[in-house]
């Protein structure tokens, strides 16, 4: 080792926390030991044609339409069930409770 060469030095200090836990603090220059880079396996970027994008958009729209249809169908079935219950037990269920049931069905299915 030459005289002018700097030797990495570390400053060490022992500290005690309030709870009695002791720890050692080491201050030193950052080391340059980077972990080896993993070989990144990347697929080449896929370029989509206009037709492929349009097909994907059309498929997404069809999924939304089917989902909306199902929600509306479930709402109609539940509303019919509420109406049947009201007819069968009309003397027990007040009109405002029927409205509350229907409103809760609408809010549950996000139909306004």
Protein backbone atom coordinates (compact mmCIF):
# COMPACT_ATOMS: atom_id res chain seq x y z
CA UNK A 1 0.00 0.00 0.00
CA UNK A 2 1.32 3.40 -0.95
CA UNK A 3 1.40 6.33 1.39
CA UNK A 4 -0.85 8.59 -0.67
CA UNK A 5 -3.52 5.95 -1.14
CA UNK A 6 -6.68 6.51 0.87
CA UNK A 7 -7.92 3.64 2.94
CA UNK A 8 -11.69 3.42 3.35
CA UNK A 9 -12.31 3.99 7.00
CA UNK A 10 -15.45 3.36 8.94
CA UNK A 11 -16.65 5.36 11.88
CA UNK A 12 -18.14 3.08 14.47
CA UNK A 13 -20.23 4.14 17.41
CA UNK A 14 -22.25 2.18 19.90
CA UNK A 15 -25.53 3.69 20.91
CA UNK A 16 -28.06 2.73 23.56
CA UNK A 17 -31.73 3.43 22.99
CA UNK A 18 -34.13 4.48 25.74
CA UNK A 19 -35.41 0.95 26.17
CA UNK A 20 -31.91 -0.40 26.73
CA UNK A 21 -31.43 -1.75 23.23
CA UNK A 22 -27.84 -1.38 22.09
CA UNK A 23 -26.93 -1.02 18.47
CA UNK A 24 -23.78 -0.28 16.55
CA UNK A 25 -23.75 2.52 14.02
CA UNK A 26 -21.23 2.24 11.19
CA UNK A 27 -20.64 5.20 8.89
CA UNK A 28 -18.48 4.55 5.89
CA UNK A 29 -18.19 5.38 2.25
CA UNK A 30 -20.70 3.57 0.07
CA UNK A 31 -19.33 0.42 -1.42
CA UNK A 32 -19.49 -0.23 -5.11
CA UNK A 33 -20.53 -3.84 -4.78
CA UNK A 34 -23.55 -3.75 -7.05
CA UNK A 35 -25.35 -7.06 -7.31
CA UNK A 36 -24.83 -8.74 -10.65
CA UNK A 37 -27.53 -7.84 -13.12
CA UNK A 38 -29.84 -10.64 -14.06
CA UNK A 39 -30.23 -11.41 -17.69
CA UNK A 40 -33.45 -9.73 -18.52
CA UNK A 41 -35.62 -11.79 -20.76
CA UNK A 42 -37.78 -9.36 -22.60
CA UNK A 43 -40.05 -10.10 -25.44
CA UNK A 44 -39.86 -7.73 -28.33
CA UNK A 45 -42.53 -5.04 -28.17
CA UNK A 46 -45.68 -6.20 -29.88
CA UNK A 47 -47.00 -3.84 -32.45
CA UNK A 48 -50.74 -4.03 -32.80
CA UNK A 49 -52.48 -3.32 -36.03
CA UNK A 50 -55.48 -1.05 -36.26
CA UNK A 51 -57.69 -4.08 -36.90
CA UNK A 52 -56.51 -5.79 -33.70
CA UNK A 53 -57.18 -2.66 -31.67
CA UNK A 54 -60.65 -2.33 -33.17
CA UNK A 55 -61.39 -6.00 -32.41
CA UNK A 56 -60.34 -5.54 -28.79
CA UNK A 57 -62.48 -2.41 -28.44
CA UNK A 58 -65.46 -4.21 -29.98
CA UNK A 59 -65.02 -7.18 -27.61
CA UNK A 60 -64.86 -4.83 -24.61
CA UNK A 61 -68.05 -3.07 -25.72
CA UNK A 62 -69.82 -6.43 -26.10
CA UNK A 63 -68.73 -7.41 -22.57
CA UNK A 64 -70.14 -4.14 -21.22
CA UNK A 65 -73.43 -4.67 -23.03
CA UNK A 66 -73.78 -8.23 -21.71
CA UNK A 67 -72.97 -7.05 -18.20
CA UNK A 68 -75.57 -4.27 -18.42
CA UNK A 69 -78.16 -6.70 -19.78
CA UNK A 70 -77.52 -9.14 -16.93
CA UNK A 71 -77.82 -6.38 -14.31
CA UNK A 72 -81.08 -5.15 -15.81
CA UNK A 73 -82.44 -8.70 -15.99
CA UNK A 74 -81.57 -9.36 -12.34
CA UNK A 75 -83.26 -6.07 -11.39
CA UNK A 76 -86.47 -7.06 -13.20
CA UNK A 77 -86.49 -10.46 -11.48
CA UNK A 78 -85.92 -8.95 -8.04
CA UNK A 79 -88.59 -6.29 -8.63
CA UNK A 80 -91.07 -9.00 -9.65
CA UNK A 81 -90.19 -10.90 -6.48
CA UNK A 82 -90.82 -7.79 -4.37
CA UNK A 83 -94.16 -7.30 -6.13
CA UNK A 84 -95.15 -10.92 -5.43
CA UNK A 85 -94.20 -10.57 -1.78
CA UNK A 86 -96.19 -7.36 -1.58
CA UNK A 87 -99.25 -9.05 -3.13
CA UNK A 88 -98.99 -12.06 -0.84
CA UNK A 89 -98.32 -10.11 2.34
CA UNK A 90 -99.67 -6.71 1.34
CA UNK A 91 -101.35 -6.16 4.65
CA UNK A 92 -97.98 -6.57 6.40
CA UNK A 93 -95.75 -4.59 4.05
CA UNK A 94 -96.41 -0.88 3.86
CA UNK A 95 -96.12 0.96 0.57
CA UNK A 96 -93.07 2.96 1.65
CA UNK A 97 -91.22 -0.25 2.51
CA UNK A 98 -91.86 -1.48 -1.02
CA UNK A 99 -90.37 1.75 -2.38
CA UNK A 100 -87.35 1.33 -0.09
CA UNK A 101 -86.83 -2.22 -1.37
CA UNK A 102 -87.01 -1.09 -4.98
CA UNK A 103 -84.63 1.82 -4.34
CA UNK A 104 -82.15 -0.50 -2.65
CA UNK A 105 -82.34 -2.84 -5.63
CA UNK A 106 -81.64 0.05 -7.97
CA UNK A 107 -78.69 1.29 -5.95
CA UNK A 108 -77.31 -2.23 -5.58
CA UNK A 109 -77.40 -2.76 -9.33
CA UNK A 110 -76.37 0.81 -10.18
CA UNK A 111 -79.52 1.39 -12.20
CA UNK A 112 -80.91 4.88 -11.86
